[in-house]
């Protein structure tokens, strides 16, 4: 998969990795050189340790988004009895938003269908 992703990048593009769901992609370095692209990786655990101030700043922004009503779109909520169905939905790429597995048995999650307006997202710094 790494080869096709690198081929799809424009010259001077950026190949960014944020975790892996299907193994670690193999990236052809000759294409990296020829297309003059950059490769960036991100791992939350080490980021928090190395940059606690930047992490705290990002969490304040996330809190501001939540206070403004900007929450992730939840496409489906499944009980623990439906875990196979939930995993299939994600694995087959049929999920169009977050898929929540509610293990509490209290049905605390609801589908969120509100999409914030562009003006609301611009007002948060």
PDB file of N, CA and C in Angstrom:
ATOM      1  N   UNK A   1       0.816  -1.195   0.000  1.00  0.00           N
ATOM      2  CA  UNK A   1       0.000   0.000   0.000  1.00  0.00           C
ATOM      3  C   UNK A   1       0.865   1.267   0.000  1.00  0.00           C
ATOM      4  N   UNK A   2       2.028   1.217   0.636  1.00  0.00           N
ATOM      5  CA  UNK A   2       2.880   2.389   0.693  1.00  0.00           C
ATOM      6  C   UNK A   2       3.276   2.895  -0.676  1.00  0.00           C
ATOM      7  N   UNK A   3       3.556   1.978  -1.598  1.00  0.00           N
ATOM      8  CA  UNK A   3       3.956   2.372  -2.949  1.00  0.00           C
ATOM      9  C   UNK A   3       2.855   3.155  -3.642  1.00  0.00           C
ATOM     10  N   UNK A   4       1.617   2.657  -3.576  1.00  0.00           N
ATOM     11  CA  UNK A   4       0.526   3.362  -4.259  1.00  0.00           C
ATOM     12  C   UNK A   4       0.247   4.718  -3.623  1.00  0.00           C
ATOM     13  N   UNK A   5       0.401   4.820  -2.315  1.00  0.00           N
ATOM     14  CA  UNK A   5       0.187   6.115  -1.654  1.00  0.00           C
ATOM     15  C   UNK A   5       1.260   7.122  -2.052  1.00  0.00           C
ATOM     16  N   UNK A   6       2.494   6.675  -2.119  1.00  0.00           N
ATOM     17  CA  UNK A   6       3.585   7.567  -2.522  1.00  0.00           C
ATOM     18  C   UNK A   6       3.423   7.983  -3.979  1.00  0.00           C
ATOM     19  N   UNK A   7       3.014   7.061  -4.832  1.00  0.00           N
ATOM     20  CA  UNK A   7       2.798   7.399  -6.240  1.00  0.00           C
ATOM     21  C   UNK A   7       1.691   8.450  -6.400  1.00  0.00           C
ATOM     22  N   UNK A   8       0.699   8.408  -5.508  1.00  0.00           N
ATOM     23  CA  UNK A   8      -0.425   9.342  -5.603  1.00  0.00           C
ATOM     24  C   UNK A   8      -0.060  10.747  -5.127  1.00  0.00           C
ATOM     25  N   UNK A   9       1.021  10.888  -4.399  1.00  0.00           N
ATOM     26  CA  UNK A   9       1.422  12.207  -3.905  1.00  0.00           C
ATOM     27  C   UNK A   9       1.941  13.094  -5.027  1.00  0.00           C
ATOM     28  N   UNK A  10       1.676  14.371  -4.898  1.00  0.00           N
ATOM     29  CA  UNK A  10       2.241  15.336  -5.840  1.00  0.00           C
ATOM     30  C   UNK A  10       3.700  15.569  -5.459  1.00  0.00           C
ATOM     31  N   UNK A  11       4.506  16.083  -6.363  1.00  0.00           N
ATOM     32  CA  UNK A  11       5.868  16.448  -5.986  1.00  0.00           C
ATOM     33  C   UNK A  11       5.841  17.419  -4.806  1.00  0.00           C
ATOM     34  N   UNK A  12       6.767  17.267  -3.886  1.00  0.00           N
ATOM     35  CA  UNK A  12       6.859  18.048  -2.654  1.00  0.00           C
ATOM     36  C   UNK A  12       5.731  17.728  -1.667  1.00  0.00           C
ATOM     37  N   UNK A  13       5.018  16.623  -1.879  1.00  0.00           N
ATOM     38  CA  UNK A  13       3.943  16.226  -0.973  1.00  0.00           C
ATOM     39  C   UNK A  13       4.481  15.665   0.327  1.00  0.00           C
ATOM     40  N   UNK A  14       3.568  15.336   1.245  1.00  0.00           N
ATOM     41  CA  UNK A  14       3.943  14.790   2.547  1.00  0.00           C
ATOM     42  C   UNK A  14       3.204  13.472   2.773  1.00  0.00           C
ATOM     43  N   UNK A  15       3.945  12.425   3.077  1.00  0.00           N
ATOM     44  CA  UNK A  15       3.397  11.123   3.431  1.00  0.00           C
ATOM     45  C   UNK A  15       3.389  11.083   4.950  1.00  0.00           C
ATOM     46  N   UNK A  16       2.204  11.128   5.556  1.00  0.00           N
ATOM     47  CA  UNK A  16       2.094  11.168   7.011  1.00  0.00           C
ATOM     48  C   UNK A  16       1.529   9.856   7.535  1.00  0.00           C
ATOM     49  N   UNK A  17       2.149   9.329   8.577  1.00  0.00           N
ATOM     50  CA  UNK A  17       1.661   8.098   9.191  1.00  0.00           C
ATOM     51  C   UNK A  17       1.186   8.401  10.605  1.00  0.00           C
ATOM     52  N   UNK A  18       0.002   7.904  10.922  1.00  0.00           N
ATOM     53  CA  UNK A  18      -0.571   8.060  12.260  1.00  0.00           C
ATOM     54  C   UNK A  18      -1.132   6.692  12.634  1.00  0.00           C
ATOM     55  N   UNK A  19      -0.263   5.792  13.029  1.00  0.00           N
ATOM     56  CA  UNK A  19      -0.688   4.442  13.363  1.00  0.00           C
ATOM     57  C   UNK A  19      -0.907   3.597  12.123  1.00  0.00           C
ATOM     58  N   UNK A  20      -1.033   2.308  12.333  1.00  0.00           N
ATOM     59  CA  UNK A  20      -1.208   1.383  11.221  1.00  0.00           C
ATOM     60  C   UNK A  20      -2.353   0.435  11.532  1.00  0.00           C
ATOM     61  N   UNK A  21      -3.232   0.205  10.563  1.00  0.00           N
ATOM     62  CA  UNK A  21      -4.326  -0.738  10.745  1.00  0.00           C
ATOM     63  C   UNK A  21      -4.114  -2.018   9.956  1.00  0.00           C
ATOM     64  N   UNK A  22      -3.244  -1.994   8.967  1.00  0.00           N
ATOM     65  CA  UNK A  22      -3.029  -3.169   8.121  1.00  0.00           C
ATOM     66  C   UNK A  22      -1.543  -3.436   7.917  1.00  0.00           C
ATOM     67  N   UNK A  23      -0.775  -3.409   8.967  1.00  0.00           N
ATOM     68  CA  UNK A  23       0.659  -3.642   8.837  1.00  0.00           C
ATOM     69  C   UNK A  23       1.402  -2.369   8.509  1.00  0.00           C
ATOM     70  N   UNK A  24       2.703  -2.452   8.547  1.00  0.00           N
ATOM     71  CA  UNK A  24       3.546  -1.284   8.286  1.00  0.00           C
ATOM     72  C   UNK A  24       3.805  -1.196   6.788  1.00  0.00           C
ATOM     73  N   UNK A  25       3.455  -0.060   6.166  1.00  0.00           N
ATOM     74  CA  UNK A  25       3.646   0.049   4.713  1.00  0.00           C
ATOM     75  C   UNK A  25       5.126   0.125   4.336  1.00  0.00           C
ATOM     76  N   UNK A  26       5.435  -0.455   3.217  1.00  0.00           N
ATOM     77  CA  UNK A  26       6.780  -0.379   2.661  1.00  0.00           C
ATOM     78  C   UNK A  26       6.807   0.817   1.709  1.00  0.00           C
ATOM     79  N   UNK A  27       7.710   1.736   1.940  1.00  0.00           N
ATOM     80  CA  UNK A  27       7.778   2.954   1.140  1.00  0.00           C
ATOM     81  C   UNK A  27       9.021   2.906   0.259  1.00  0.00           C
ATOM     82  N   UNK A  28       8.835   3.008  -1.057  1.00  0.00           N
ATOM     83  CA  UNK A  28       9.987   2.986  -1.970  1.00  0.00           C
ATOM     84  C   UNK A  28      10.756   4.309  -1.907  1.00  0.00           C
ATOM     85  N   UNK A  29      11.974   4.244  -1.400  1.00  0.00           N
ATOM     86  CA  UNK A  29      12.755   5.470  -1.215  1.00  0.00           C
ATOM     87  C   UNK A  29      13.148   6.126  -2.524  1.00  0.00           C
ATOM     88  N   UNK A  30      13.193   5.360  -3.619  1.00  0.00           N
ATOM     89  CA  UNK A  30      13.517   5.999  -4.893  1.00  0.00           C
ATOM     90  C   UNK A  30      12.434   7.010  -5.280  1.00  0.00           C
ATOM     91  N   UNK A  31      11.165   6.698  -5.003  1.00  0.00           N
ATOM     92  CA  UNK A  31      10.085   7.646  -5.304  1.00  0.00           C
ATOM     93  C   UNK A  31      10.131   8.856  -4.373  1.00  0.00           C
ATOM     94  N   UNK A  32      10.534   8.614  -3.133  1.00  0.00           N
ATOM     95  CA  UNK A  32      10.683   9.722  -2.182  1.00  0.00           C
ATOM     96  C   UNK A  32      11.709  10.714  -2.718  1.00  0.00           C
ATOM     97  N   UNK A  33      12.793  10.202  -3.217  1.00  0.00           N
ATOM     98  CA  UNK A  33      13.847  11.052  -3.769  1.00  0.00           C
ATOM     99  C   UNK A  33      13.402  11.743  -5.056  1.00  0.00           C
ATOM    100  N   UNK A  34      12.847  10.970  -5.995  1.00  0.00           N
ATOM    101  CA  UNK A  34      12.473  11.529  -7.294  1.00  0.00           C
ATOM    102  C   UNK A  34      11.354  12.562  -7.195  1.00  0.00           C
ATOM    103  N   UNK A  35      10.400  12.340  -6.290  1.00  0.00           N
ATOM    104  CA  UNK A  35       9.271  13.269  -6.155  1.00  0.00           C
ATOM    105  C   UNK A  35       9.525  14.343  -5.097  1.00  0.00           C
ATOM    106  N   UNK A  36      10.680  14.232  -4.415  1.00  0.00           N
ATOM    107  CA  UNK A  36      11.055  15.186  -3.373  1.00  0.00           C
ATOM    108  C   UNK A  36       9.957  15.331  -2.319  1.00  0.00           C
ATOM    109  N   UNK A  37       9.444  14.181  -1.854  1.00  0.00           N
ATOM    110  CA  UNK A  37       8.398  14.214  -0.833  1.00  0.00           C
ATOM    111  C   UNK A  37       9.009  14.066   0.555  1.00  0.00           C
ATOM    112  N   UNK A  38       8.218  14.387   1.563  1.00  0.00           N
ATOM    113  CA  UNK A  38       8.621  14.248   2.958  1.00  0.00           C
ATOM    114  C   UNK A  38       7.799  13.144   3.603  1.00  0.00           C
ATOM    115  N   UNK A  39       8.394  12.469   4.570  1.00  0.00           N
ATOM    116  CA  UNK A  39       7.689  11.440   5.331  1.00  0.00           C
ATOM    117  C   UNK A  39       7.666  11.876   6.784  1.00  0.00           C
ATOM    118  N   UNK A  40       6.457  11.897   7.373  1.00  0.00           N
ATOM    119  CA  UNK A  40       6.293  12.301   8.783  1.00  0.00           C
ATOM    120  C   UNK A  40       5.553  11.203   9.523  1.00  0.00           C
ATOM    121  N   UNK A  41       5.969  10.928  10.736  1.00  0.00           N
ATOM    122  CA  UNK A  41       5.290   9.945  11.569  1.00  0.00           C
ATOM    123  C   UNK A  41       4.807  10.606  12.849  1.00  0.00           C
ATOM    124  N   UNK A  42       3.770  10.025  13.443  1.00  0.00           N
ATOM    125  CA  UNK A  42       3.239  10.570  14.694  1.00  0.00           C
ATOM    126  C   UNK A  42       2.789   9.426  15.578  1.00  0.00           C
ATOM    127  N   UNK A  43       3.226   9.460  16.836  1.00  0.00           N
ATOM    128  CA  UNK A  43       2.823   8.471  17.823  1.00  0.00           C
ATOM    129  C   UNK A  43       2.482   9.238  19.089  1.00  0.00           C
ATOM    130  N   UNK A  44       1.220   9.183  19.508  1.00  0.00           N
ATOM    131  CA  UNK A  44       0.720  10.017  20.597  1.00  0.00           C
ATOM    132  C   UNK A  44       1.485   9.825  21.898  1.00  0.00           C
ATOM    133  N   UNK A  45       1.769   8.591  22.272  1.00  0.00           N
ATOM    134  CA  UNK A  45       2.435   8.344  23.555  1.00  0.00           C
ATOM    135  C   UNK A  45       3.762   9.070  23.690  1.00  0.00           C
ATOM    136  N   UNK A  46       4.604   8.959  22.686  1.00  0.00           N
ATOM    137  CA  UNK A  46       5.908   9.628  22.763  1.00  0.00           C
ATOM    138  C   UNK A  46       5.772  11.137  22.598  1.00  0.00           C
ATOM    139  N   UNK A  47       4.760  11.588  21.848  1.00  0.00           N
ATOM    140  CA  UNK A  47       4.536  13.029  21.690  1.00  0.00           C
ATOM    141  C   UNK A  47       4.215  13.669  23.042  1.00  0.00           C
ATOM    142  N   UNK A  48       3.369  13.020  23.833  1.00  0.00           N
ATOM    143  CA  UNK A  48       2.982  13.551  25.147  1.00  0.00           C
ATOM    144  C   UNK A  48       4.204  13.686  26.042  1.00  0.00           C
ATOM    145  N   UNK A  49       5.095  12.700  25.997  1.00  0.00           N
ATOM    146  CA  UNK A  49       6.295  12.730  26.834  1.00  0.00           C
ATOM    147  C   UNK A  49       7.265  13.817  26.371  1.00  0.00           C
ATOM    148  N   UNK A  50       7.470  13.921  25.055  1.00  0.00           N
ATOM    149  CA  UNK A  50       8.456  14.881  24.527  1.00  0.00           C
ATOM    150  C   UNK A  50       7.949  16.319  24.492  1.00  0.00           C
ATOM    151  N   UNK A  51       6.632  16.494  24.321  1.00  0.00           N
ATOM    152  CA  UNK A  51       6.078  17.840  24.147  1.00  0.00           C
ATOM    153  C   UNK A  51       4.841  18.045  25.039  1.00  0.00           C
ATOM    154  N   UNK A  52       4.995  18.005  26.351  1.00  0.00           N
ATOM    155  CA  UNK A  52       3.814  18.126  27.225  1.00  0.00           C
ATOM    156  C   UNK A  52       3.073  19.450  27.054  1.00  0.00           C
ATOM    157  N   UNK A  53       3.796  20.534  26.799  1.00  0.00           N
ATOM    158  CA  UNK A  53       3.138  21.837  26.629  1.00  0.00           C
ATOM    159  C   UNK A  53       2.291  21.876  25.357  1.00  0.00           C
ATOM    160  N   UNK A  54       2.827  21.342  24.265  1.00  0.00           N
ATOM    161  CA  UNK A  54       2.066  21.307  23.007  1.00  0.00           C
ATOM    162  C   UNK A  54       0.848  20.390  23.135  1.00  0.00           C
ATOM    163  N   UNK A  55       1.006  19.287  23.864  1.00  0.00           N
ATOM    164  CA  UNK A  55      -0.120  18.379  24.085  1.00  0.00           C
ATOM    165  C   UNK A  55      -1.210  19.078  24.902  1.00  0.00           C
ATOM    166  N   UNK A  56      -0.816  19.778  25.955  1.00  0.00           N
ATOM    167  CA  UNK A  56      -1.795  20.498  26.787  1.00  0.00           C
ATOM    168  C   UNK A  56      -2.524  21.558  25.959  1.00  0.00           C
ATOM    169  N   UNK A  57      -1.807  22.265  25.107  1.00  0.00           N
ATOM    170  CA  UNK A  57      -2.423  23.272  24.247  1.00  0.00           C
ATOM    171  C   UNK A  57      -3.436  22.627  23.302  1.00  0.00           C
ATOM    172  N   UNK A  58      -3.083  21.495  22.734  1.00  0.00           N
ATOM    173  CA  UNK A  58      -3.994  20.789  21.824  1.00  0.00           C
ATOM    174  C   UNK A  58      -5.241  20.321  22.567  1.00  0.00           C
ATOM    175  N   UNK A  59      -5.084  19.835  23.799  1.00  0.00           N
ATOM    176  CA  UNK A  59      -6.237  19.372  24.572  1.00  0.00           C
ATOM    177  C   UNK A  59      -7.160  20.535  24.936  1.00  0.00           C
ATOM    178  N   UNK A  60      -6.587  21.721  25.163  1.00  0.00           N
ATOM    179  CA  UNK A  60      -7.431  22.909  25.414  1.00  0.00           C
ATOM    180  C   UNK A  60      -8.259  23.240  24.171  1.00  0.00           C
ATOM    181  N   UNK A  61      -7.669  23.084  22.991  1.00  0.00           N
ATOM    182  CA  UNK A  61      -8.416  23.329  21.756  1.00  0.00           C
ATOM    183  C   UNK A  61      -9.522  22.298  21.573  1.00  0.00           C
ATOM    184  N   UNK A  62      -9.226  21.041  21.886  1.00  0.00           N
ATOM    185  CA  UNK A  62     -10.245  19.996  21.785  1.00  0.00           C
ATOM    186  C   UNK A  62     -11.397  20.309  22.734  1.00  0.00           C
ATOM    187  N   UNK A  63     -11.078  20.739  23.955  1.00  0.00           N
ATOM    188  CA  UNK A  63     -12.123  21.096  24.924  1.00  0.00           C
ATOM    189  C   UNK A  63     -12.964  22.261  24.405  1.00  0.00           C
ATOM    190  N   UNK A  64     -12.325  23.240  23.762  1.00  0.00           N
ATOM    191  CA  UNK A  64     -13.067  24.376  23.206  1.00  0.00           C
ATOM    192  C   UNK A  64     -14.005  23.909  22.088  1.00  0.00           C
ATOM    193  N   UNK A  65     -13.546  22.967  21.269  1.00  0.00           N
ATOM    194  CA  UNK A  65     -14.415  22.415  20.224  1.00  0.00           C
ATOM    195  C   UNK A  65     -15.636  21.746  20.853  1.00  0.00           C
ATOM    196  N   UNK A  66     -15.404  20.965  21.894  1.00  0.00           N
ATOM    197  CA  UNK A  66     -16.512  20.260  22.552  1.00  0.00           C
ATOM    198  C   UNK A  66     -17.490  21.248  23.173  1.00  0.00           C
ATOM    199  N   UNK A  67     -16.978  22.289  23.816  1.00  0.00           N
ATOM    200  CA  UNK A  67     -17.844  23.307  24.418  1.00  0.00           C
ATOM    201  C   UNK A  67     -18.667  24.033  23.359  1.00  0.00           C
ATOM    202  N   UNK A  68     -18.124  24.151  22.151  1.00  0.00           N
ATOM    203  CA  UNK A  68     -18.838  24.812  21.059  1.00  0.00           C
ATOM    204  C   UNK A  68     -19.806  23.856  20.354  1.00  0.00           C
ATOM    205  N   UNK A  69     -19.879  22.619  20.843  1.00  0.00           N
ATOM    206  CA  UNK A  69     -20.792  21.654  20.242  1.00  0.00           C
ATOM    207  C   UNK A  69     -20.201  20.880  19.085  1.00  0.00           C
ATOM    208  N   UNK A  70     -18.921  21.020  18.870  1.00  0.00           N
ATOM    209  CA  UNK A  70     -18.264  20.310  17.766  1.00  0.00           C
ATOM    210  C   UNK A  70     -17.728  18.981  18.301  1.00  0.00           C
ATOM    211  N   UNK A  71     -18.505  17.949  18.132  1.00  0.00           N
ATOM    212  CA  UNK A  71     -18.129  16.631  18.623  1.00  0.00           C
ATOM    213  C   UNK A  71     -18.005  15.678  17.442  1.00  0.00           C
ATOM    214  N   UNK A  72     -17.278  14.576  17.610  1.00  0.00           N
ATOM    215  CA  UNK A  72     -17.131  13.634  16.488  1.00  0.00           C
ATOM    216  C   UNK A  72     -18.482  13.080  16.036  1.00  0.00           C
ATOM    217  N   UNK A  73     -18.587  12.806  14.776  1.00  0.00           N
ATOM    218  CA  UNK A  73     -19.781  12.186  14.226  1.00  0.00           C
ATOM    219  C   UNK A  73     -19.771  10.706  14.591  1.00  0.00           C
ATOM    220  N   UNK A  74     -20.775  10.265  15.310  1.00  0.00           N
ATOM    221  CA  UNK A  74     -20.899   8.860  15.693  1.00  0.00           C
ATOM    222  C   UNK A  74     -21.885   8.208  14.737  1.00  0.00           C
ATOM    223  N   UNK A  75     -21.392   7.280  13.934  1.00  0.00           N
ATOM    224  CA  UNK A  75     -22.227   6.639  12.919  1.00  0.00           C
ATOM    225  C   UNK A  75     -22.991   5.452  13.469  1.00  0.00           C
ATOM    226  N   UNK A  76     -22.415   4.765  14.459  1.00  0.00           N
ATOM    227  CA  UNK A  76     -23.065   3.568  14.991  1.00  0.00           C
ATOM    228  C   UNK A  76     -22.632   3.333  16.427  1.00  0.00           C
ATOM    229  N   UNK A  77     -23.554   2.813  17.222  1.00  0.00           N
ATOM    230  CA  UNK A  77     -23.262   2.412  18.597  1.00  0.00           C
ATOM    231  C   UNK A  77     -23.647   0.942  18.719  1.00  0.00           C
ATOM    232  N   UNK A  78     -22.707   0.132  19.159  1.00  0.00           N
ATOM    233  CA  UNK A  78     -22.941  -1.303  19.296  1.00  0.00           C
ATOM    234  C   UNK A  78     -22.739  -1.728  20.742  1.00  0.00           C
ATOM    235  N   UNK A  79     -23.489  -2.729  21.177  1.00  0.00           N
ATOM    236  CA  UNK A  79     -23.264  -3.322  22.492  1.00  0.00           C
ATOM    237  C   UNK A  79     -22.154  -4.353  22.357  1.00  0.00           C
ATOM    238  N   UNK A  80     -21.695  -4.849  23.486  1.00  0.00           N
ATOM    239  CA  UNK A  80     -20.642  -5.857  23.473  1.00  0.00           C
ATOM    240  C   UNK A  80     -21.102  -7.121  22.749  1.00  0.00           C
ATOM    241  N   UNK A  81     -22.398  -7.381  22.774  1.00  0.00           N
ATOM    242  CA  UNK A  81     -22.922  -8.542  22.049  1.00  0.00           C
ATOM    243  C   UNK A  81     -22.737  -8.401  20.541  1.00  0.00           C
ATOM    244  N   UNK A  82     -22.641  -7.176  20.054  1.00  0.00           N
ATOM    245  CA  UNK A  82     -22.502  -6.918  18.614  1.00  0.00           C
ATOM    246  C   UNK A  82     -21.075  -6.564  18.210  1.00  0.00           C
ATOM    247  N   UNK A  83     -20.089  -6.970  19.008  1.00  0.00           N
ATOM    248  CA  UNK A  83     -18.711  -6.587  18.723  1.00  0.00           C
ATOM    249  C   UNK A  83     -18.251  -7.072  17.351  1.00  0.00           C
ATOM    250  N   UNK A  84     -18.681  -8.262  16.939  1.00  0.00           N
ATOM    251  CA  UNK A  84     -18.271  -8.780  15.625  1.00  0.00           C
ATOM    252  C   UNK A  84     -18.813  -7.877  14.520  1.00  0.00           C
ATOM    253  N   UNK A  85     -20.070  -7.471  14.648  1.00  0.00           N
ATOM    254  CA  UNK A  85     -20.677  -6.580  13.660  1.00  0.00           C
ATOM    255  C   UNK A  85     -19.934  -5.236  13.610  1.00  0.00           C
ATOM    256  N   UNK A  86     -19.577  -4.710  14.775  1.00  0.00           N
ATOM    257  CA  UNK A  86     -18.865  -3.432  14.828  1.00  0.00           C
ATOM    258  C   UNK A  86     -17.501  -3.527  14.151  1.00  0.00           C
ATOM    259  N   UNK A  87     -16.781  -4.603  14.428  1.00  0.00           N
ATOM    260  CA  UNK A  87     -15.455  -4.779  13.832  1.00  0.00           C
ATOM    261  C   UNK A  87     -15.577  -4.979  12.324  1.00  0.00           C
ATOM    262  N   UNK A  88     -16.599  -5.714  11.888  1.00  0.00           N
ATOM    263  CA  UNK A  88     -16.811  -5.897  10.449  1.00  0.00           C
ATOM    264  C   UNK A  88     -17.108  -4.564   9.770  1.00  0.00           C
ATOM    265  N   UNK A  89     -17.919  -3.736  10.408  1.00  0.00           N
ATOM    266  CA  UNK A  89     -18.274  -2.442   9.834  1.00  0.00           C
ATOM    267  C   UNK A  89     -17.027  -1.594   9.606  1.00  0.00           C
ATOM    268  N   UNK A  90     -16.114  -1.602  10.566  1.00  0.00           N
ATOM    269  CA  UNK A  90     -14.871  -0.840  10.426  1.00  0.00           C
ATOM    270  C   UNK A  90     -13.937  -1.532   9.433  1.00  0.00           C
ATOM    271  N   UNK A  91     -13.779  -2.850   9.591  1.00  0.00           N
ATOM    272  CA  UNK A  91     -12.861  -3.596   8.736  1.00  0.00           C
ATOM    273  C   UNK A  91     -13.229  -3.571   7.267  1.00  0.00           C
ATOM    274  N   UNK A  92     -14.529  -3.537   6.980  1.00  0.00           N
ATOM    275  CA  UNK A  92     -14.993  -3.490   5.588  1.00  0.00           C
ATOM    276  C   UNK A  92     -15.161  -2.062   5.084  1.00  0.00           C
ATOM    277  N   UNK A  93     -14.733  -1.109   5.902  1.00  0.00           N
ATOM    278  CA  UNK A  93     -14.760   0.322   5.550  1.00  0.00           C
ATOM    279  C   UNK A  93     -16.166   0.822   5.226  1.00  0.00           C
ATOM    280  N   UNK A  94     -17.165   0.297   5.935  1.00  0.00           N
ATOM    281  CA  UNK A  94     -18.545   0.759   5.759  1.00  0.00           C
ATOM    282  C   UNK A  94     -18.891   1.855   6.761  1.00  0.00           C
ATOM    283  N   UNK A  95     -18.013   2.109   7.715  1.00  0.00           N
ATOM    284  CA  UNK A  95     -18.262   3.136   8.729  1.00  0.00           C
ATOM    285  C   UNK A  95     -18.033   4.520   8.122  1.00  0.00           C
ATOM    286  N   UNK A  96     -18.976   5.412   8.316  1.00  0.00           N
ATOM    287  CA  UNK A  96     -18.856   6.774   7.791  1.00  0.00           C
ATOM    288  C   UNK A  96     -18.584   7.768   8.912  1.00  0.00           C
ATOM    289  N   UNK A  97     -18.339   7.292  10.088  1.00  0.00           N
ATOM    290  CA  UNK A  97     -18.034   8.114  11.257  1.00  0.00           C
ATOM    291  C   UNK A  97     -17.475   7.198  12.327  1.00  0.00           C
ATOM    292  N   UNK A  98     -17.509   7.652  13.562  1.00  0.00           N
ATOM    293  CA  UNK A  98     -17.013   6.830  14.665  1.00  0.00           C
ATOM    294  C   UNK A  98     -17.961   5.662  14.904  1.00  0.00           C
ATOM    295  N   UNK A  99     -17.387   4.509  15.187  1.00  0.00           N
ATOM    296  CA  UNK A  99     -18.153   3.340  15.592  1.00  0.00           C
ATOM    297  C   UNK A  99     -17.824   3.111  17.059  1.00  0.00           C
ATOM    298  N   UNK A 100     -18.834   3.213  17.909  1.00  0.00           N
ATOM    299  CA  UNK A 100     -18.644   3.130  19.352  1.00  0.00           C
ATOM    300  C   UNK A 100     -19.076   1.757  19.843  1.00  0.00           C
ATOM    301  N   UNK A 101     -18.247   1.160  20.674  1.00  0.00           N
ATOM    302  CA  UNK A 101     -18.595  -0.094  21.325  1.00  0.00           C
ATOM    303  C   UNK A 101     -18.916   0.249  22.777  1.00  0.00           C
ATOM    304  N   UNK A 102     -20.209   0.199  23.136  1.00  0.00           N
ATOM    305  CA  UNK A 102     -20.665   0.565  24.476  1.00  0.00           C
ATOM    306  C   UNK A 102     -20.620  -0.670  25.357  1.00  0.00           C
ATOM    307  N   UNK A 103     -19.601  -0.751  26.201  1.00  0.00           N
ATOM    308  CA  UNK A 103     -19.450  -1.904  27.078  1.00  0.00           C
ATOM    309  C   UNK A 103     -20.116  -1.688  28.429  1.00  0.00           C
ATOM    310  N   UNK A 104     -20.679  -0.512  28.654  1.00  0.00           N
ATOM    311  CA  UNK A 104     -21.290  -0.211  29.944  1.00  0.00           C
ATOM    312  C   UNK A 104     -22.648  -0.883  30.115  1.00  0.00           C
ATOM    313  N   UNK A 105     -23.300  -1.172  28.997  1.00  0.00           N
ATOM    314  CA  UNK A 105     -24.638  -1.746  29.079  1.00  0.00           C
ATOM    315  C   UNK A 105     -25.695  -0.724  29.451  1.00  0.00           C
ATOM    316  N   UNK A 106     -25.313   0.530  29.568  1.00  0.00           N
ATOM    317  CA  UNK A 106     -26.234   1.582  29.985  1.00  0.00           C
ATOM    318  C   UNK A 106     -26.707   2.439  28.827  1.00  0.00           C
ATOM    319  N   UNK A 107     -26.287   2.120  27.612  1.00  0.00           N
ATOM    320  CA  UNK A 107     -26.678   2.872  26.422  1.00  0.00           C
ATOM    321  C   UNK A 107     -26.444   4.379  26.613  1.00  0.00           C
ATOM    322  N   UNK A 108     -25.232   4.715  27.037  1.00  0.00           N
ATOM    323  CA  UNK A 108     -24.892   6.112  27.325  1.00  0.00           C
ATOM    324  C   UNK A 108     -24.580   6.924  26.086  1.00  0.00           C
ATOM    325  N   UNK A 109     -24.367   6.263  24.968  1.00  0.00           N
ATOM    326  CA  UNK A 109     -23.983   6.955  23.752  1.00  0.00           C
ATOM    327  C   UNK A 109     -25.180   7.115  22.831  1.00  0.00           C
ATOM    328  N   UNK A 110     -25.200   8.227  22.144  1.00  0.00           N
ATOM    329  CA  UNK A 110     -26.251   8.427  21.156  1.00  0.00           C
ATOM    330  C   UNK A 110     -25.598   8.835  19.839  1.00  0.00           C
ATOM    331  N   UNK A 111     -26.309   8.640  18.762  1.00  0.00           N
ATOM    332  CA  UNK A 111     -25.775   9.027  17.461  1.00  0.00           C
ATOM    333  C   UNK A 111     -25.741  10.540  17.373  1.00  0.00           C
ATOM    334  N   UNK A 112     -24.633  11.072  16.973  1.00  0.00           N
ATOM    335  CA  UNK A 112     -24.465  12.517  16.831  1.00  0.00           C
ATOM    336  C   UNK A 112     -24.531  12.844  15.356  1.00  0.00           C
ATOM    337  N   UNK A 113     -25.531  13.598  14.966  1.00  0.00           N
ATOM    338  CA  UNK A 113     -25.681  13.914  13.551  1.00  0.00           C
ATOM    339  C   UNK A 113     -25.497  15.392  13.268  1.00  0.00           C
ATOM    340  N   UNK A 114     -25.284  16.179  14.304  1.00  0.00           N
ATOM    341  CA  UNK A 114     -25.129  17.612  14.110  1.00  0.00           C
ATOM    342  C   UNK A 114     -23.751  17.910  13.536  1.00  0.00           C
ATOM    343  N   UNK A 115     -23.723  18.585  12.447  1.00  0.00           N
ATOM    344  CA  UNK A 115     -22.464  19.001  11.837  1.00  0.00           C
ATOM    345  C   UNK A 115     -22.314  20.489  12.096  1.00  0.00           C
ATOM    346  N   UNK A 116     -21.227  20.909  12.745  1.00  0.00           N
ATOM    347  CA  UNK A 116     -21.059  22.326  13.056  1.00  0.00           C
ATOM    348  C   UNK A 116     -20.940  23.167  11.799  1.00  0.00           C
ATOM    349  N   UNK A 117     -21.376  24.381  11.908  1.00  0.00           N
ATOM    350  CA  UNK A 117     -21.277  25.291  10.770  1.00  0.00           C
ATOM    351  C   UNK A 117     -19.835  25.736  10.575  1.00  0.00           C
ATOM    352  N   UNK A 118     -19.445  26.129   9.365  1.00  0.00           N
ATOM    353  CA  UNK A 118     -18.090  26.625   9.147  1.00  0.00           C
ATOM    354  C   UNK A 118     -17.779  27.827  10.024  1.00  0.00           C
ATOM    355  N   UNK A 119     -18.763  28.662  10.299  1.00  0.00           N
ATOM    356  CA  UNK A 119     -18.524  29.830  11.146  1.00  0.00           C
ATOM    357  C   UNK A 119     -18.129  29.419  12.552  1.00  0.00           C
ATOM    358  N   UNK A 120     -18.749  28.351  13.061  1.00  0.00           N
ATOM    359  CA  UNK A 120     -18.420  27.881  14.413  1.00  0.00           C
ATOM    360  C   UNK A 120     -16.987  27.390  14.475  1.00  0.00           C
ATOM    361  N   UNK A 121     -16.520  26.692  13.439  1.00  0.00           N
ATOM    362  CA  UNK A 121     -15.155  26.177  13.469  1.00  0.00           C
ATOM    363  C   UNK A 121     -14.134  27.295  13.323  1.00  0.00           C
ATOM    364  N   UNK A 122     -14.488  28.372  12.647  1.00  0.00           N
ATOM    365  CA  UNK A 122     -13.543  29.489  12.507  1.00  0.00           C
ATOM    366  C   UNK A 122     -13.440  30.292  13.789  1.00  0.00           C
ATOM    367  N   UNK A 123     -14.462  30.231  14.654  1.00  0.00           N
ATOM    368  CA  UNK A 123     -14.456  31.085  15.834  1.00  0.00           C
ATOM    369  C   UNK A 123     -13.595  30.527  16.950  1.00  0.00           C
ATOM    370  N   UNK A 124     -13.111  29.298  16.814  1.00  0.00           N
ATOM    371  CA  UNK A 124     -12.304  28.685  17.855  1.00  0.00           C
ATOM    372  C   UNK A 124     -10.839  28.804  17.481  1.00  0.00           C
ATOM    373  N   UNK A 125     -10.064  29.427  18.360  1.00  0.00           N
ATOM    374  CA  UNK A 125      -8.641  29.634  18.068  1.00  0.00           C
ATOM    375  C   UNK A 125      -7.801  28.547  18.668  1.00  0.00           C
TER     376      UNK A 125
END
